[in-house]
């Protein structure tokens, strides 16, 4: 279970409509966009630069082993 077969890996389909992650490329992980933001008290987020999702992470197809947000494509 790596990012290669995860539905959250944002891979553009090729001309035939197939999703083929290339080993040498890095793709954006969209898992954090589908996870709701955590419910935090105002005392934690006040005066801080709190954003959700926290960052845009790029992954290679062979990364992500054991990711808790893995969802089979």
N, C-alpha and C. Protein backbone atom coordinates (compact mmCIF):
# COMPACT_ATOMS: atom_id res chain seq x y z
N UNK A 1 0.84 -1.18 0.00
CA UNK A 1 0.00 0.00 0.00
C UNK A 1 0.89 1.25 0.00
N UNK A 2 1.12 1.75 -1.17
CA UNK A 2 1.89 2.99 -1.31
C UNK A 2 1.02 4.00 -2.06
N UNK A 3 1.57 5.17 -2.25
CA UNK A 3 0.83 6.24 -2.92
C UNK A 3 0.44 5.87 -4.36
N UNK A 4 1.16 4.93 -4.95
CA UNK A 4 0.89 4.54 -6.35
C UNK A 4 -0.57 4.13 -6.55
N UNK A 5 -1.16 3.45 -5.58
CA UNK A 5 -2.53 2.95 -5.73
C UNK A 5 -3.53 3.71 -4.87
N UNK A 6 -3.13 4.84 -4.31
CA UNK A 6 -4.02 5.63 -3.45
C UNK A 6 -4.83 6.62 -4.27
N UNK A 7 -6.10 6.75 -3.96
CA UNK A 7 -6.96 7.67 -4.71
C UNK A 7 -6.63 9.13 -4.43
N UNK A 8 -5.92 9.43 -3.35
CA UNK A 8 -5.61 10.81 -3.00
C UNK A 8 -4.45 11.38 -3.80
N UNK A 9 -3.65 10.53 -4.45
CA UNK A 9 -2.52 10.99 -5.24
C UNK A 9 -3.08 11.64 -6.51
N UNK A 10 -2.79 12.91 -6.71
CA UNK A 10 -3.34 13.69 -7.82
C UNK A 10 -2.50 13.49 -9.08
N UNK A 11 -2.87 12.47 -9.86
CA UNK A 11 -2.18 12.14 -11.10
C UNK A 11 -3.12 12.46 -12.25
N UNK A 12 -2.63 13.24 -13.21
CA UNK A 12 -3.44 13.56 -14.38
C UNK A 12 -3.54 12.34 -15.29
N UNK A 13 -4.73 11.99 -15.77
CA UNK A 13 -4.86 10.86 -16.69
C UNK A 13 -4.13 11.15 -18.00
N UNK A 14 -3.63 10.09 -18.64
CA UNK A 14 -2.97 10.25 -19.93
C UNK A 14 -4.02 10.37 -21.03
N UNK A 15 -3.60 10.39 -22.29
CA UNK A 15 -4.52 10.58 -23.42
C UNK A 15 -5.57 9.47 -23.50
N UNK A 16 -5.23 8.28 -23.04
CA UNK A 16 -6.17 7.15 -23.08
C UNK A 16 -7.07 7.11 -21.84
N UNK A 17 -6.89 8.06 -20.90
CA UNK A 17 -7.71 8.10 -19.70
C UNK A 17 -7.18 7.26 -18.56
N UNK A 18 -5.99 6.69 -18.71
CA UNK A 18 -5.40 5.86 -17.66
C UNK A 18 -4.64 6.74 -16.66
N UNK A 19 -4.67 6.34 -15.41
CA UNK A 19 -3.88 7.02 -14.37
C UNK A 19 -2.64 6.18 -14.12
N UNK A 20 -1.50 6.69 -14.58
CA UNK A 20 -0.25 5.96 -14.48
C UNK A 20 0.78 6.83 -13.77
N UNK A 21 0.97 6.63 -12.45
CA UNK A 21 2.01 7.39 -11.74
C UNK A 21 3.40 6.95 -12.20
N UNK A 22 4.21 7.89 -12.62
CA UNK A 22 5.58 7.60 -13.06
C UNK A 22 6.52 7.65 -11.87
N UNK A 23 7.42 6.68 -11.80
CA UNK A 23 8.32 6.55 -10.65
C UNK A 23 9.19 7.79 -10.44
N UNK A 24 9.61 8.44 -11.51
CA UNK A 24 10.53 9.58 -11.41
C UNK A 24 9.80 10.90 -11.08
N UNK A 25 8.49 10.90 -11.09
CA UNK A 25 7.72 12.13 -10.85
C UNK A 25 7.21 12.20 -9.42
N UNK A 26 6.94 13.41 -8.97
CA UNK A 26 6.29 13.63 -7.67
C UNK A 26 4.92 14.24 -7.95
N UNK A 27 3.93 13.81 -7.21
CA UNK A 27 2.55 14.26 -7.40
C UNK A 27 2.01 14.81 -6.09
N UNK A 28 1.04 15.69 -6.20
CA UNK A 28 0.45 16.30 -5.01
C UNK A 28 -0.46 15.30 -4.31
N UNK A 29 -0.37 15.26 -2.99
CA UNK A 29 -1.25 14.42 -2.17
C UNK A 29 -2.46 15.25 -1.79
N UNK A 30 -3.64 14.77 -2.12
CA UNK A 30 -4.87 15.49 -1.83
C UNK A 30 -5.61 14.97 -0.61
N UNK A 31 -4.99 14.13 0.19
CA UNK A 31 -5.67 13.52 1.33
C UNK A 31 -6.12 14.57 2.35
N UNK A 32 -5.29 15.57 2.59
CA UNK A 32 -5.62 16.55 3.61
C UNK A 32 -6.80 17.44 3.20
N UNK A 33 -7.07 17.52 1.91
CA UNK A 33 -8.22 18.30 1.43
C UNK A 33 -9.53 17.60 1.77
N UNK A 34 -9.49 16.29 1.93
CA UNK A 34 -10.70 15.51 2.19
C UNK A 34 -10.92 15.21 3.67
N UNK A 35 -9.95 15.56 4.49
CA UNK A 35 -10.07 15.35 5.93
C UNK A 35 -10.59 16.64 6.55
N UNK A 36 -11.63 16.58 7.37
CA UNK A 36 -12.14 17.82 7.97
C UNK A 36 -11.12 18.43 8.93
N UNK A 37 -11.13 19.75 9.05
CA UNK A 37 -10.19 20.38 9.97
C UNK A 37 -10.46 19.96 11.41
N UNK A 38 -9.42 19.89 12.22
CA UNK A 38 -9.62 19.50 13.61
C UNK A 38 -10.37 20.60 14.37
N UNK A 39 -11.13 20.19 15.36
CA UNK A 39 -11.85 21.15 16.20
C UNK A 39 -10.91 21.53 17.34
N UNK A 40 -10.41 22.76 17.28
CA UNK A 40 -9.47 23.24 18.29
C UNK A 40 -10.08 24.42 19.03
N UNK A 41 -9.80 24.57 20.30
CA UNK A 41 -10.32 25.72 21.04
C UNK A 41 -9.68 27.02 20.55
N UNK A 42 -10.37 28.10 20.75
CA UNK A 42 -9.89 29.42 20.32
C UNK A 42 -8.54 29.76 20.95
N UNK A 43 -8.30 29.27 22.15
CA UNK A 43 -7.04 29.57 22.83
C UNK A 43 -5.84 28.97 22.09
N UNK A 44 -6.07 27.94 21.29
CA UNK A 44 -4.98 27.31 20.55
C UNK A 44 -4.73 28.03 19.23
N UNK A 45 -5.80 28.45 18.56
CA UNK A 45 -5.66 29.05 17.23
C UNK A 45 -5.55 30.57 17.26
N UNK A 46 -5.85 31.20 18.37
CA UNK A 46 -5.84 32.66 18.46
C UNK A 46 -4.42 33.21 18.24
N UNK A 47 -4.29 34.16 17.33
CA UNK A 47 -3.01 34.81 17.11
C UNK A 47 -1.98 33.97 16.38
N UNK A 48 -2.40 32.85 15.88
CA UNK A 48 -1.47 31.99 15.16
C UNK A 48 -1.91 31.87 13.71
N UNK A 49 -0.98 31.52 12.87
CA UNK A 49 -1.28 31.32 11.46
C UNK A 49 -1.77 29.89 11.26
N UNK A 50 -3.03 29.63 11.62
CA UNK A 50 -3.59 28.30 11.51
C UNK A 50 -4.31 28.17 10.17
N UNK A 51 -3.87 27.23 9.36
CA UNK A 51 -4.50 26.98 8.05
C UNK A 51 -4.86 25.50 7.96
N UNK A 52 -5.88 25.21 7.18
CA UNK A 52 -6.23 23.83 6.88
C UNK A 52 -6.53 23.71 5.42
N UNK A 53 -5.95 22.83 4.67
CA UNK A 53 -4.94 21.87 5.09
C UNK A 53 -3.63 22.56 5.43
N UNK A 54 -2.81 21.92 6.27
CA UNK A 54 -1.60 22.58 6.75
C UNK A 54 -0.57 22.85 5.66
N UNK A 55 -0.47 22.02 4.65
CA UNK A 55 0.50 22.23 3.58
C UNK A 55 0.12 21.37 2.38
N UNK A 56 0.74 21.62 1.28
CA UNK A 56 0.54 20.81 0.10
C UNK A 56 1.76 19.92 -0.05
N UNK A 57 1.60 18.67 0.17
CA UNK A 57 2.72 17.72 0.18
C UNK A 57 2.80 17.01 -1.17
N UNK A 58 4.01 16.87 -1.69
CA UNK A 58 4.24 16.14 -2.92
C UNK A 58 4.87 14.79 -2.59
N UNK A 59 4.37 13.74 -3.23
CA UNK A 59 4.80 12.38 -2.94
C UNK A 59 5.24 11.70 -4.24
N UNK A 60 6.20 10.78 -4.12
CA UNK A 60 6.52 9.91 -5.24
C UNK A 60 5.64 8.67 -5.13
N UNK A 61 5.42 7.94 -6.22
CA UNK A 61 4.51 6.79 -6.17
C UNK A 61 4.91 5.71 -5.16
N UNK A 62 6.20 5.61 -4.81
CA UNK A 62 6.64 4.55 -3.90
C UNK A 62 6.68 4.98 -2.45
N UNK A 63 6.27 6.21 -2.13
CA UNK A 63 6.22 6.67 -0.74
C UNK A 63 4.86 6.35 -0.14
N UNK A 64 4.70 6.66 1.13
CA UNK A 64 3.41 6.55 1.79
C UNK A 64 3.11 5.20 2.42
N UNK A 65 4.10 4.35 2.57
CA UNK A 65 3.87 3.04 3.20
C UNK A 65 3.32 3.23 4.61
N UNK A 66 2.18 2.63 4.89
CA UNK A 66 1.58 2.71 6.22
C UNK A 66 0.82 3.99 6.49
N UNK A 67 0.51 4.78 5.48
CA UNK A 67 -0.24 6.03 5.67
C UNK A 67 -1.64 5.73 6.19
N UNK A 68 -2.09 6.39 7.27
CA UNK A 68 -3.41 6.11 7.81
C UNK A 68 -4.55 6.65 6.92
N UNK A 69 -4.24 7.52 5.96
CA UNK A 69 -5.27 8.07 5.07
C UNK A 69 -5.34 7.36 3.72
N UNK A 70 -4.58 6.26 3.59
CA UNK A 70 -4.58 5.50 2.32
C UNK A 70 -5.97 5.01 2.01
N UNK A 71 -6.40 5.24 0.76
CA UNK A 71 -7.67 4.72 0.26
C UNK A 71 -7.41 4.16 -1.13
N UNK A 72 -7.72 2.89 -1.33
CA UNK A 72 -7.44 2.26 -2.61
C UNK A 72 -8.23 2.93 -3.74
N UNK A 73 -7.53 3.16 -4.85
CA UNK A 73 -8.16 3.75 -6.03
C UNK A 73 -8.98 2.72 -6.73
